[in-house]
Amino acid sequence: MRYGESSEVLDSREFVTEEALEMVLASHPDLLRQQGESALGFVDRQVELGEAGTLDLLFVNADGLPVAVEVKLQRNAQARREVVAQAIDYLSALTARTVDELDDLVDGKLEDALRSFSDEDDEAAFDRRWRAVGANLRAGLARLVLALDAAPSSLERIVRFLAQNSSLDVQLITVHQYVTGKKAEVLVPHFSVSAQSVDKPGGPPTTKAPRPELLAVVENYNLNAPGHLWAVGSGANYRQIRPPDWPTSFRTHYEFYQTSSQIGAELHIETDAGKPLAAILSPLAGRPVAGNATALTWDAGWSSGRGRLMAKFPPSEDPSVVAKAMEDLIALTHVSVRDKLIELAGASRPKA
């Protein structure tokens, strides 16, 4: 289109209240979704989370990931450090619930949102999504979104640090409102910080949509895995398995992890406190898995020298083979890692 041919100047219009911005987001969930991401369904506004307070907005995506949204206007003095602590508190209270408890809390609106992604008669699709929400909650996984009309630079710095250096799935977006000469409303979102705009240490840049090979592997694995060991998350190139009997402070977990050249069933050590696990994991290198399809390898350089144990495959490998490798990896290591982590947790406690 040539300049001036049918162009129109838009007038910026402020959100008068935080409630006004909330209502816009509740009515237009796609404002919170980047290209290639799963569809979002609105669940409820003003969700009471006990002593943590009241969450502004709750959504869920088509992969069963809960999405907690805290709304602030820039002129609100809390639109800086306070909003981060407040939102994390909401997230901790949200993920402490089971899927049934969460649905009861919002009077059945979670079920309604999950059913909106498919035909009402497709009970199998609904059941998969319902179980995925439960698995994500058990693993403490949910997306945290801070939504503002304009973001202070100090807030962007804090959120970017959290996105890069923690396991939190955290996003910062701003929504701008404009009006045309014909009084038509135009809403423009801007993702200041998201999983697509930051790279985690030790991994390749994320892509805009989950890799299909990864999704196929995870689907094969979850078909047979017990609910407490489901692969969960929303990353473009990974899904995690977090055994509930492993102390969470060590951030040790199983992970399906894909790059452009390989896909792996892996066990990651991601804190210095977990380094002693290397002594029991590295000797397993060379052990065959997945019916001798491959052997485990030990990567001593992973995560700043903490290490990972993995079964590597080309992305074209049969998904059931990669899933079986994860089953074998868990069978080989689950109990020994649990016992060592409990031992390490006890040793780190101050003596009375």
Protein backbone atom coordinates (compact mmCIF):
# COMPACT_ATOMS: atom_id res chain seq x y z
CA MET A 1 0.00 0.00 0.00
CA ARG A 2 1.36 3.41 -0.93
CA TYR A 3 1.65 6.04 1.74
CA GLY A 4 -1.55 8.05 2.02
CA GLU A 5 -3.52 5.77 -0.28
CA SER A 6 -5.82 4.49 2.43
CA SER A 7 -3.80 5.04 5.57
CA GLU A 8 -5.22 6.50 8.73
CA VAL A 9 -3.66 8.11 11.77
CA LEU A 10 -4.57 6.37 15.02
CA ASP A 11 -5.10 8.25 18.26
CA SER A 12 -3.70 6.65 21.40
CA ARG A 13 -6.22 6.13 24.18
CA GLU A 14 -5.30 5.33 27.77
CA PHE A 15 -6.90 2.62 29.84
CA VAL A 16 -8.80 4.50 32.52
CA THR A 17 -8.69 1.67 35.07
CA GLU A 18 -6.98 -1.69 35.54
CA GLU A 19 -10.41 -3.29 35.35
CA ALA A 20 -10.78 -1.89 31.82
CA LEU A 21 -7.55 -3.61 30.75
CA GLU A 22 -8.67 -6.81 32.48
CA MET A 23 -11.92 -6.81 30.54
CA VAL A 24 -10.08 -6.31 27.25
CA LEU A 25 -7.79 -9.29 27.93
CA ALA A 26 -10.66 -11.49 29.11
CA SER A 27 -12.56 -10.71 25.89
CA HIS A 28 -9.52 -11.08 23.61
CA PRO A 29 -7.29 -13.94 24.89
CA ASP A 30 -5.29 -13.90 21.66
CA LEU A 31 -3.65 -10.68 22.84
CA LEU A 32 -1.71 -12.90 25.26
CA ARG A 33 -0.66 -15.42 22.63
CA GLN A 34 2.27 -15.19 20.23
CA GLN A 35 2.28 -16.66 16.75
CA GLY A 36 2.62 -20.42 16.83
CA GLU A 37 1.54 -20.82 20.45
CA SER A 38 -1.42 -22.93 21.55
CA ALA A 39 -4.88 -21.38 21.72
CA LEU A 40 -5.90 -19.74 25.00
CA GLY A 41 -9.21 -20.11 26.76
CA PHE A 42 -10.49 -17.63 29.35
CA VAL A 43 -11.39 -19.21 32.69
CA ASP A 44 -12.28 -16.50 35.22
CA ARG A 45 -11.61 -13.04 36.67
CA GLN A 46 -10.77 -12.15 40.26
CA VAL A 47 -9.88 -15.66 41.39
CA GLU A 48 -9.65 -15.88 45.19
CA LEU A 49 -6.47 -17.73 46.21
CA GLY A 50 -6.71 -17.61 49.98
CA GLU A 51 -4.00 -15.75 51.82
CA ALA A 52 -2.12 -15.15 48.54
CA GLY A 53 -4.88 -12.73 47.49
CA THR A 54 -6.95 -12.32 44.35
CA LEU A 55 -5.58 -13.22 40.92
CA ASP A 56 -6.77 -10.82 38.23
CA LEU A 57 -7.23 -13.29 35.36
CA LEU A 58 -6.93 -17.03 34.83
CA PHE A 59 -6.61 -18.68 31.42
CA VAL A 60 -5.66 -22.16 30.24
CA ASN A 61 -4.11 -23.12 26.93
CA ALA A 62 -4.99 -26.02 24.66
CA ASP A 63 -1.99 -27.99 26.00
CA GLY A 64 -3.40 -27.86 29.54
CA LEU A 65 -1.05 -25.17 30.87
CA PRO A 66 -2.65 -22.77 33.38
CA VAL A 67 -1.89 -19.11 32.63
CA ALA A 68 -2.07 -16.61 35.52
CA VAL A 69 -2.29 -12.95 34.52
CA GLU A 70 -1.68 -9.99 36.82
CA VAL A 71 -2.78 -6.62 35.42
CA LYS A 72 -1.30 -3.27 36.38
CA LEU A 73 -1.28 0.24 34.93
CA GLN A 74 2.07 1.99 34.80
CA ARG A 75 0.88 4.80 37.04
CA ASN A 76 0.20 2.25 39.79
CA ALA A 77 3.17 2.36 42.16
CA GLN A 78 3.03 -1.45 42.39
CA ALA A 79 3.92 -1.76 38.70
CA ARG A 80 7.53 -2.36 39.66
CA ARG A 81 9.08 -4.77 42.15
CA GLU A 82 5.91 -5.36 44.17
CA VAL A 83 3.97 -6.81 41.24
CA VAL A 84 6.61 -9.51 40.67
CA ALA A 85 6.46 -10.81 44.25
CA GLN A 86 2.67 -10.57 44.24
CA ALA A 87 2.34 -12.53 41.00
CA ILE A 88 4.77 -15.27 42.12
CA ASP A 89 2.70 -15.64 45.30
CA TYR A 90 -0.40 -16.16 43.16
CA LEU A 91 1.45 -18.77 41.11
CA SER A 92 2.53 -20.73 44.19
CA ALA A 93 -1.03 -20.76 45.54
CA LEU A 94 -2.48 -21.72 42.17
CA THR A 95 -0.17 -24.68 41.58
CA ALA A 96 -0.74 -26.00 45.12
CA ARG A 97 -4.21 -27.12 44.00
CA THR A 98 -5.31 -30.21 42.13
CA VAL A 99 -7.17 -29.85 38.86
CA ASP A 100 -10.43 -30.76 40.61
CA GLU A 101 -9.84 -28.21 43.36
CA LEU A 102 -9.05 -25.52 40.81
CA ASP A 103 -12.19 -26.29 38.83
CA ASP A 104 -14.28 -26.12 42.02
CA LEU A 105 -12.63 -22.80 42.89
CA VAL A 106 -13.86 -21.26 39.64
CA ASP A 107 -17.27 -22.96 39.70
CA GLY A 108 -16.61 -25.32 36.79
CA LYS A 109 -15.28 -22.65 34.43
CA LEU A 110 -11.99 -24.52 33.95
CA GLU A 111 -13.89 -27.46 32.48
CA ASP A 112 -15.84 -25.08 30.24
CA ALA A 113 -12.63 -23.51 28.94
CA LEU A 114 -11.05 -26.90 28.21
CA ARG A 115 -14.14 -28.09 26.35
CA SER A 116 -14.11 -24.93 24.21
CA PHE A 117 -11.00 -26.16 22.37
CA SER A 118 -12.79 -29.07 20.68
CA ASP A 119 -16.23 -30.44 19.83
CA GLU A 120 -18.44 -30.97 22.86
CA ASP A 121 -18.68 -34.70 22.08
CA ASP A 122 -14.90 -35.19 21.91
CA GLU A 123 -14.48 -36.61 25.41
CA ALA A 124 -11.06 -38.11 24.62
CA ALA A 125 -9.60 -34.68 23.76
CA PHE A 126 -11.16 -33.12 26.85
CA ASP A 127 -9.84 -35.92 29.06
CA ARG A 128 -6.29 -35.46 27.70
CA ARG A 129 -6.42 -31.74 28.43
CA TRP A 130 -7.92 -32.25 31.87
CA ARG A 131 -5.16 -34.71 32.79
CA ALA A 132 -2.53 -32.35 31.35
CA VAL A 133 -3.74 -29.53 33.62
CA GLY A 134 -3.46 -31.89 36.58
CA ALA A 135 0.04 -32.97 35.60
CA ASN A 136 1.19 -29.38 35.16
CA LEU A 137 -0.20 -28.37 38.55
CA ARG A 138 1.47 -31.34 40.27
CA ALA A 139 4.77 -30.31 38.69
CA GLY A 140 4.30 -26.70 39.80
CA LEU A 141 4.09 -25.54 36.20
CA ALA A 142 2.03 -22.57 35.07
CA ARG A 143 2.71 -19.49 32.98
CA LEU A 144 2.93 -16.15 34.73
CA VAL A 145 2.01 -13.08 32.66
CA LEU A 146 2.38 -9.49 33.81
CA ALA A 147 0.20 -7.30 31.62
CA LEU A 148 0.50 -3.51 31.67
CA ASP A 149 -0.30 -0.50 29.53
CA ALA A 150 3.39 0.48 29.68
CA ALA A 151 6.26 -1.28 31.45
CA PRO A 152 8.90 0.53 33.53
CA SER A 153 12.44 -0.42 32.51
CA SER A 154 13.15 -1.65 36.03
CA LEU A 155 10.27 -4.14 35.79
CA GLU A 156 11.45 -5.37 32.39
CA ARG A 157 14.94 -5.92 33.79
CA ILE A 158 13.60 -7.98 36.72
CA VAL A 159 11.28 -10.11 34.58
CA ARG A 160 13.98 -10.74 31.97
CA PHE A 161 16.33 -11.92 34.72
CA LEU A 162 13.69 -14.34 36.01
CA ALA A 163 12.97 -15.64 32.51
CA GLN A 164 16.65 -16.28 31.80
CA ASN A 165 17.83 -17.58 35.16
CA SER A 166 14.95 -19.47 36.73
CA SER A 167 12.60 -22.27 35.75
CA LEU A 168 9.63 -19.86 35.76
CA ASP A 169 7.63 -19.50 32.55
CA VAL A 170 7.21 -15.75 32.87
CA GLN A 171 6.15 -13.10 30.36
CA LEU A 172 5.83 -9.33 30.37
CA ILE A 173 3.49 -7.75 27.84
CA THR A 174 2.11 -4.30 27.23
CA VAL A 175 -1.19 -3.59 25.51
CA HIS A 176 -1.74 -0.30 23.68
CA GLN A 177 -5.18 0.97 22.80
CA TYR A 178 -5.91 3.17 19.81
CA VAL A 179 -9.03 4.56 18.17
CA THR A 180 -9.58 5.36 14.51
CA GLY A 181 -11.40 8.33 13.09
CA LYS A 182 -14.44 6.11 12.75
CA LYS A 183 -14.18 5.27 16.46
CA ALA A 184 -13.10 1.70 15.77
CA GLU A 185 -10.91 0.27 18.54
CA VAL A 186 -7.45 -1.12 17.75
CA LEU A 187 -5.54 -3.18 20.35
CA VAL A 188 -1.82 -3.82 19.90
CA PRO A 189 0.11 -6.19 22.22
CA HIS A 190 3.89 -6.05 22.63
CA PHE A 191 5.81 -8.90 24.27
CA SER A 192 8.67 -7.23 26.13
CA VAL A 193 9.78 -10.54 27.69
CA SER A 194 8.68 -14.03 26.69
CA ALA A 195 10.06 -17.52 26.16
CA GLN A 196 10.63 -16.55 22.54
CA SER A 197 12.62 -13.43 23.39
CA VAL A 198 15.15 -14.93 25.84
CA ASP A 199 17.51 -17.88 25.63
CA LYS A 200 18.05 -20.16 28.62
CA PRO A 201 21.70 -20.82 29.57
CA GLY A 202 22.92 -24.10 28.09
CA GLY A 203 20.29 -24.33 25.35
CA PRO A 204 19.73 -23.15 21.81
CA PRO A 205 17.44 -20.25 20.95
CA THR A 206 13.78 -21.17 21.20
CA THR A 207 11.58 -21.45 18.15
CA LYS A 208 8.10 -20.03 17.74
CA ALA A 209 6.22 -23.32 17.94
CA PRO A 210 6.89 -26.68 19.61
CA ARG A 211 8.76 -29.05 17.33
CA PRO A 212 6.42 -31.76 15.94
CA GLU A 213 8.94 -34.53 16.66
CA LEU A 214 9.02 -33.47 20.33
CA LEU A 215 5.23 -33.44 20.57
CA ALA A 216 5.01 -36.92 19.02
CA VAL A 217 7.54 -38.32 21.51
CA VAL A 218 5.77 -36.74 24.49
CA GLU A 219 2.39 -38.07 23.34
CA ASN A 220 3.84 -41.59 23.07
CA TYR A 221 5.45 -41.35 26.49
CA ASN A 222 2.41 -39.91 28.30
CA LEU A 223 0.15 -42.67 26.96
CA ASN A 224 1.84 -45.18 29.28
CA ALA A 225 3.36 -43.00 32.02
CA PRO A 226 1.70 -42.72 35.45
CA GLY A 227 0.14 -39.31 36.07
CA HIS A 228 2.80 -38.24 38.59
CA LEU A 229 5.52 -38.82 35.97
CA TRP A 230 3.93 -37.11 32.98
CA ALA A 231 6.07 -34.95 30.70
CA VAL A 232 4.73 -31.43 31.08
CA GLY A 233 5.43 -27.82 30.16
CA SER A 234 5.09 -25.54 27.15
CA GLY A 235 8.64 -25.00 25.88
CA ALA A 236 9.27 -25.08 22.16
CA ASN A 237 12.13 -27.56 22.48
CA TYR A 238 11.60 -29.39 25.79
CA ARG A 239 9.16 -31.09 28.16
CA GLN A 240 10.08 -31.91 31.76
CA ILE A 241 9.28 -34.76 34.14
CA ARG A 242 9.54 -33.79 37.79
CA PRO A 243 9.14 -36.75 40.17
CA PRO A 244 7.16 -35.53 43.20
CA ASP A 245 9.34 -37.54 45.60
CA TRP A 246 12.48 -35.59 44.60
CA PRO A 247 13.25 -32.47 46.69
CA THR A 248 12.39 -29.54 44.41
CA SER A 249 15.13 -27.16 45.57
CA PHE A 250 17.74 -29.11 43.56
CA ARG A 251 15.92 -28.51 40.24
CA THR A 252 16.97 -31.99 39.09
CA HIS A 253 14.53 -33.44 36.55
CA TYR A 254 14.05 -35.66 33.52
CA GLU A 255 13.58 -33.91 30.20
CA PHE A 256 12.78 -34.59 26.58
CA TYR A 257 15.05 -32.08 24.84
CA GLN A 258 15.30 -31.38 21.11
CA THR A 259 17.72 -29.40 18.97
CA SER A 260 17.91 -29.16 15.19
CA SER A 261 20.12 -32.25 15.03
CA GLN A 262 18.93 -34.53 17.85
CA ILE A 263 16.24 -35.38 20.37
CA GLY A 264 17.10 -36.80 23.76
CA ALA A 265 15.64 -38.51 26.81
CA GLU A 266 17.70 -36.86 29.52
CA LEU A 267 18.29 -36.38 33.25
CA HIS A 268 19.52 -32.88 34.11
CA ILE A 269 21.47 -31.60 37.12
CA GLU A 270 20.92 -27.83 37.22
CA THR A 271 22.19 -26.61 40.60
CA ASP A 272 25.59 -26.78 42.28
CA ALA A 273 23.93 -28.47 45.26
CA GLY A 274 23.05 -31.40 43.00
CA LYS A 275 26.58 -31.94 41.67
CA PRO A 276 27.20 -35.03 43.87
CA LEU A 277 24.63 -36.84 41.72
CA ALA A 278 27.27 -37.05 39.00
CA ALA A 279 29.04 -39.77 40.99
CA ILE A 280 26.06 -42.12 40.66
CA LEU A 281 24.94 -41.08 37.18
CA SER A 282 28.17 -40.88 35.16
CA PRO A 283 28.98 -44.63 35.63
CA LEU A 284 25.74 -45.43 33.79
CA ALA A 285 27.26 -44.16 30.52
CA GLY A 286 27.32 -46.99 28.02
CA ARG A 287 24.22 -48.71 29.45
CA PRO A 288 21.89 -49.76 26.58
CA VAL A 289 18.30 -48.47 26.59
CA ALA A 290 15.21 -48.75 24.39
CA GLY A 291 15.89 -52.35 23.40
CA ASN A 292 19.54 -51.61 22.54
CA ALA A 293 18.51 -48.81 20.17
CA THR A 294 21.16 -46.61 21.79
CA ALA A 295 23.33 -46.33 24.88
CA LEU A 296 23.36 -43.67 27.58
CA THR A 297 26.03 -40.98 27.42
CA TRP A 298 27.29 -38.62 30.11
CA ASP A 299 27.70 -34.93 29.23
CA ALA A 300 30.00 -33.46 31.89
CA GLY A 301 29.85 -29.94 30.42
CA TRP A 302 26.09 -29.47 30.71
CA SER A 303 24.81 -26.60 32.88
CA SER A 304 28.20 -25.09 33.77
CA GLY A 305 29.77 -28.47 34.50
CA ARG A 306 26.94 -29.98 36.54
CA GLY A 307 26.18 -32.68 34.00
CA ARG A 308 23.40 -34.65 32.33
CA LEU A 309 22.78 -38.29 31.50
CA MET A 310 21.10 -38.81 28.13
CA ALA A 311 19.97 -41.11 25.37
CA LYS A 312 20.43 -39.31 22.03
CA PHE A 313 18.54 -39.93 18.80
CA PRO A 314 18.10 -38.22 15.44
CA PRO A 315 14.83 -36.22 15.27
CA SER A 316 13.55 -38.74 12.69
CA GLU A 317 13.66 -41.61 15.21
CA ASP A 318 10.43 -43.50 15.88
CA PRO A 319 8.75 -41.56 18.76
CA SER A 320 7.98 -44.79 20.61
CA VAL A 321 11.70 -45.61 20.75
CA VAL A 322 12.59 -42.25 22.34
CA ALA A 323 9.68 -42.66 24.77
CA LYS A 324 10.96 -46.14 25.72
CA ALA A 325 14.43 -44.69 26.32
CA MET A 326 12.92 -42.28 28.86
CA GLU A 327 11.07 -45.13 30.56
CA ASP A 328 14.33 -47.07 30.84
CA LEU A 329 16.23 -44.00 32.08
CA ILE A 330 13.67 -43.46 34.81
CA ALA A 331 13.74 -47.13 35.80
CA LEU A 332 17.55 -47.01 36.09
CA THR A 333 17.82 -43.79 38.10
CA HIS A 334 14.60 -42.75 39.84
CA VAL A 335 15.17 -44.44 43.19
CA SER A 336 18.93 -43.84 43.46
CA VAL A 337 18.57 -40.15 42.59
CA ARG A 338 15.70 -39.77 45.05
CA ASP A 339 17.70 -41.33 47.88
CA LYS A 340 20.76 -39.19 47.13
CA LEU A 341 18.74 -35.99 46.94
CA ILE A 342 17.07 -36.73 50.27
CA GLU A 343 20.51 -37.39 51.75
CA LEU A 344 21.84 -34.11 50.36
CA ALA A 345 18.79 -32.18 51.57
CA GLY A 346 19.28 -33.56 55.08
CA ALA A 347 22.98 -32.70 55.10
CA SER A 348 22.24 -29.11 54.09
CA ARG A 349 19.87 -28.46 57.00
CA PRO A 350 21.41 -26.53 59.92
CA LYS A 351 21.90 -28.66 63.03
CA ALA A 352 19.73 -27.82 66.03
